[in-house]
């Protein structure tokens, strides 16, 4: 597991998530731990190193 820090696209607070390095590319939805809005998370790994990360808001 890999801990990654980023800004929430809704409230702009810095939050962290644990990411699974064993899956090279994945997309899922997780709620912000501060404002509870849904964020679409897309981490990309190569050789278990983070090479890309996107955190996008979902229109409600």
N, C-alpha and C. Protein backbone atom coordinates (compact mmCIF):
# COMPACT_ATOMS: atom_id res chain seq x y z
N UNK A 1 0.85 -1.19 0.00
CA UNK A 1 0.00 0.00 0.00
C UNK A 1 0.90 1.25 0.00
N UNK A 2 0.35 2.29 -0.60
CA UNK A 2 1.09 3.54 -0.78
C UNK A 2 0.20 4.69 -0.33
N UNK A 3 0.68 5.53 0.58
CA UNK A 3 -0.10 6.68 1.04
C UNK A 3 0.19 7.87 0.13
N UNK A 4 -0.90 8.47 -0.41
CA UNK A 4 -0.75 9.61 -1.32
C UNK A 4 -1.58 10.77 -0.80
N UNK A 5 -0.99 11.97 -0.78
CA UNK A 5 -1.66 13.19 -0.33
C UNK A 5 -2.04 14.03 -1.55
N UNK A 6 -3.25 14.59 -1.53
CA UNK A 6 -3.72 15.44 -2.63
C UNK A 6 -4.80 16.37 -2.13
N UNK A 7 -5.19 17.35 -2.95
CA UNK A 7 -6.24 18.29 -2.58
C UNK A 7 -7.59 17.80 -3.09
N UNK A 8 -8.59 17.91 -2.24
CA UNK A 8 -9.96 17.59 -2.63
C UNK A 8 -10.41 18.60 -3.69
N UNK A 9 -11.01 18.12 -4.80
CA UNK A 9 -11.47 19.06 -5.83
C UNK A 9 -12.71 19.88 -5.44
N UNK A 10 -13.29 19.59 -4.28
CA UNK A 10 -14.45 20.35 -3.80
C UNK A 10 -14.06 21.38 -2.74
N UNK A 11 -13.44 20.92 -1.67
CA UNK A 11 -13.16 21.81 -0.53
C UNK A 11 -11.71 22.28 -0.47
N UNK A 12 -10.85 21.73 -1.33
CA UNK A 12 -9.43 22.08 -1.45
C UNK A 12 -8.59 21.73 -0.23
N UNK A 13 -9.15 20.96 0.69
CA UNK A 13 -8.37 20.49 1.84
C UNK A 13 -7.43 19.37 1.39
N UNK A 14 -6.28 19.29 2.03
CA UNK A 14 -5.35 18.20 1.74
C UNK A 14 -5.85 16.94 2.45
N UNK A 15 -5.99 15.86 1.70
CA UNK A 15 -6.41 14.59 2.27
C UNK A 15 -5.43 13.52 1.80
N UNK A 16 -5.49 12.37 2.43
CA UNK A 16 -4.62 11.27 2.02
C UNK A 16 -5.45 10.02 1.81
N UNK A 17 -4.94 9.15 0.93
CA UNK A 17 -5.57 7.87 0.67
C UNK A 17 -4.49 6.81 0.56
N UNK A 18 -4.84 5.61 0.97
CA UNK A 18 -3.97 4.47 0.76
C UNK A 18 -4.31 3.84 -0.58
N UNK A 19 -3.30 3.69 -1.43
CA UNK A 19 -3.50 3.16 -2.77
C UNK A 19 -2.83 1.80 -2.89
N UNK A 20 -3.46 0.90 -3.63
CA UNK A 20 -2.96 -0.45 -3.84
C UNK A 20 -1.97 -0.44 -5.01
N UNK A 21 -0.70 -0.66 -4.74
CA UNK A 21 0.33 -0.60 -5.77
C UNK A 21 0.36 -1.85 -6.65
N UNK A 22 -0.38 -2.88 -6.30
CA UNK A 22 -0.34 -4.12 -7.07
C UNK A 22 -1.22 -4.06 -8.33
N UNK A 23 -2.05 -3.02 -8.46
CA UNK A 23 -2.92 -2.85 -9.63
C UNK A 23 -2.39 -1.64 -10.41
N UNK A 24 -1.98 -1.86 -11.67
CA UNK A 24 -1.31 -0.79 -12.42
C UNK A 24 -2.20 0.42 -12.68
N UNK A 25 -3.45 0.21 -13.08
CA UNK A 25 -4.37 1.32 -13.32
C UNK A 25 -5.75 0.92 -12.80
N UNK A 26 -6.35 1.82 -12.05
CA UNK A 26 -7.68 1.55 -11.51
C UNK A 26 -8.43 2.87 -11.40
N UNK A 27 -9.75 2.81 -11.42
CA UNK A 27 -10.60 3.98 -11.23
C UNK A 27 -11.72 3.59 -10.27
N UNK A 28 -11.92 4.41 -9.26
CA UNK A 28 -12.99 4.15 -8.30
C UNK A 28 -13.43 5.47 -7.68
N UNK A 29 -14.53 5.43 -6.95
CA UNK A 29 -15.08 6.62 -6.29
C UNK A 29 -14.92 6.46 -4.79
N UNK A 30 -14.41 7.53 -4.18
CA UNK A 30 -14.22 7.56 -2.73
C UNK A 30 -14.69 8.92 -2.24
N UNK A 31 -15.32 8.97 -1.07
CA UNK A 31 -15.77 10.24 -0.51
C UNK A 31 -14.63 10.96 0.19
N UNK A 32 -14.62 12.30 0.06
CA UNK A 32 -13.63 13.12 0.77
C UNK A 32 -13.86 12.95 2.27
N UNK A 33 -12.79 12.78 3.01
CA UNK A 33 -12.91 12.59 4.46
C UNK A 33 -13.25 13.89 5.18
N UNK A 34 -13.16 15.04 4.50
CA UNK A 34 -13.48 16.33 5.11
C UNK A 34 -14.90 16.78 4.76
N UNK A 35 -15.21 16.86 3.45
CA UNK A 35 -16.51 17.41 3.03
C UNK A 35 -17.51 16.34 2.57
N UNK A 36 -17.07 15.09 2.49
CA UNK A 36 -17.92 13.94 2.15
C UNK A 36 -18.43 13.92 0.71
N UNK A 37 -17.92 14.76 -0.17
CA UNK A 37 -18.31 14.72 -1.58
C UNK A 37 -17.58 13.60 -2.30
N UNK A 38 -18.19 13.01 -3.34
CA UNK A 38 -17.57 11.89 -4.05
C UNK A 38 -16.46 12.36 -5.00
N UNK A 39 -15.34 11.66 -4.97
CA UNK A 39 -14.19 11.98 -5.82
C UNK A 39 -13.87 10.75 -6.65
N UNK A 40 -13.71 10.94 -7.96
CA UNK A 40 -13.28 9.84 -8.83
C UNK A 40 -11.75 9.80 -8.79
N UNK A 41 -11.22 8.71 -8.30
CA UNK A 41 -9.79 8.53 -8.10
C UNK A 41 -9.24 7.61 -9.19
N UNK A 42 -8.15 8.03 -9.85
CA UNK A 42 -7.49 7.20 -10.86
C UNK A 42 -5.98 7.24 -10.62
N UNK A 43 -5.46 6.27 -9.85
CA UNK A 43 -4.01 6.16 -9.70
C UNK A 43 -3.43 5.24 -10.77
N UNK A 44 -2.21 5.55 -11.20
CA UNK A 44 -1.51 4.71 -12.18
C UNK A 44 -0.13 4.36 -11.63
N UNK A 45 0.18 3.07 -11.62
CA UNK A 45 1.45 2.59 -11.09
C UNK A 45 2.22 1.84 -12.17
N UNK A 46 3.54 1.95 -12.09
CA UNK A 46 4.42 1.13 -12.93
C UNK A 46 5.53 0.64 -12.03
N UNK A 47 5.73 -0.67 -11.99
CA UNK A 47 6.71 -1.29 -11.10
C UNK A 47 6.50 -0.83 -9.65
N UNK A 48 5.25 -0.74 -9.26
CA UNK A 48 4.80 -0.35 -7.92
C UNK A 48 5.21 1.07 -7.53
N UNK A 49 5.50 1.93 -8.53
CA UNK A 49 5.76 3.35 -8.29
C UNK A 49 4.64 4.16 -8.91
N UNK A 50 4.17 5.18 -8.20
CA UNK A 50 3.09 6.03 -8.69
C UNK A 50 3.61 6.88 -9.85
N UNK A 51 3.02 6.72 -11.04
CA UNK A 51 3.44 7.50 -12.20
C UNK A 51 2.38 8.50 -12.65
N UNK A 52 1.17 8.39 -12.10
CA UNK A 52 0.10 9.32 -12.43
C UNK A 52 -1.02 9.22 -11.40
N UNK A 53 -1.71 10.35 -11.20
CA UNK A 53 -2.80 10.36 -10.23
C UNK A 53 -3.78 11.46 -10.64
N UNK A 54 -5.07 11.10 -10.69
CA UNK A 54 -6.12 12.06 -10.97
C UNK A 54 -7.18 11.97 -9.90
N UNK A 55 -7.64 13.11 -9.43
CA UNK A 55 -8.75 13.19 -8.47
C UNK A 55 -9.73 14.20 -9.03
N UNK A 56 -10.88 13.72 -9.52
CA UNK A 56 -11.84 14.58 -10.20
C UNK A 56 -13.16 14.62 -9.45
N UNK A 57 -13.79 15.79 -9.47
CA UNK A 57 -15.11 15.91 -8.85
C UNK A 57 -16.16 15.22 -9.71
N UNK A 58 -17.21 14.75 -9.09
CA UNK A 58 -18.35 14.18 -9.79
C UNK A 58 -19.52 15.13 -9.58
N UNK A 59 -20.15 15.51 -10.68
CA UNK A 59 -21.30 16.42 -10.57
C UNK A 59 -22.43 15.69 -9.87
N UNK A 60 -23.02 16.35 -8.88
CA UNK A 60 -24.09 15.72 -8.10
C UNK A 60 -25.43 16.18 -8.60
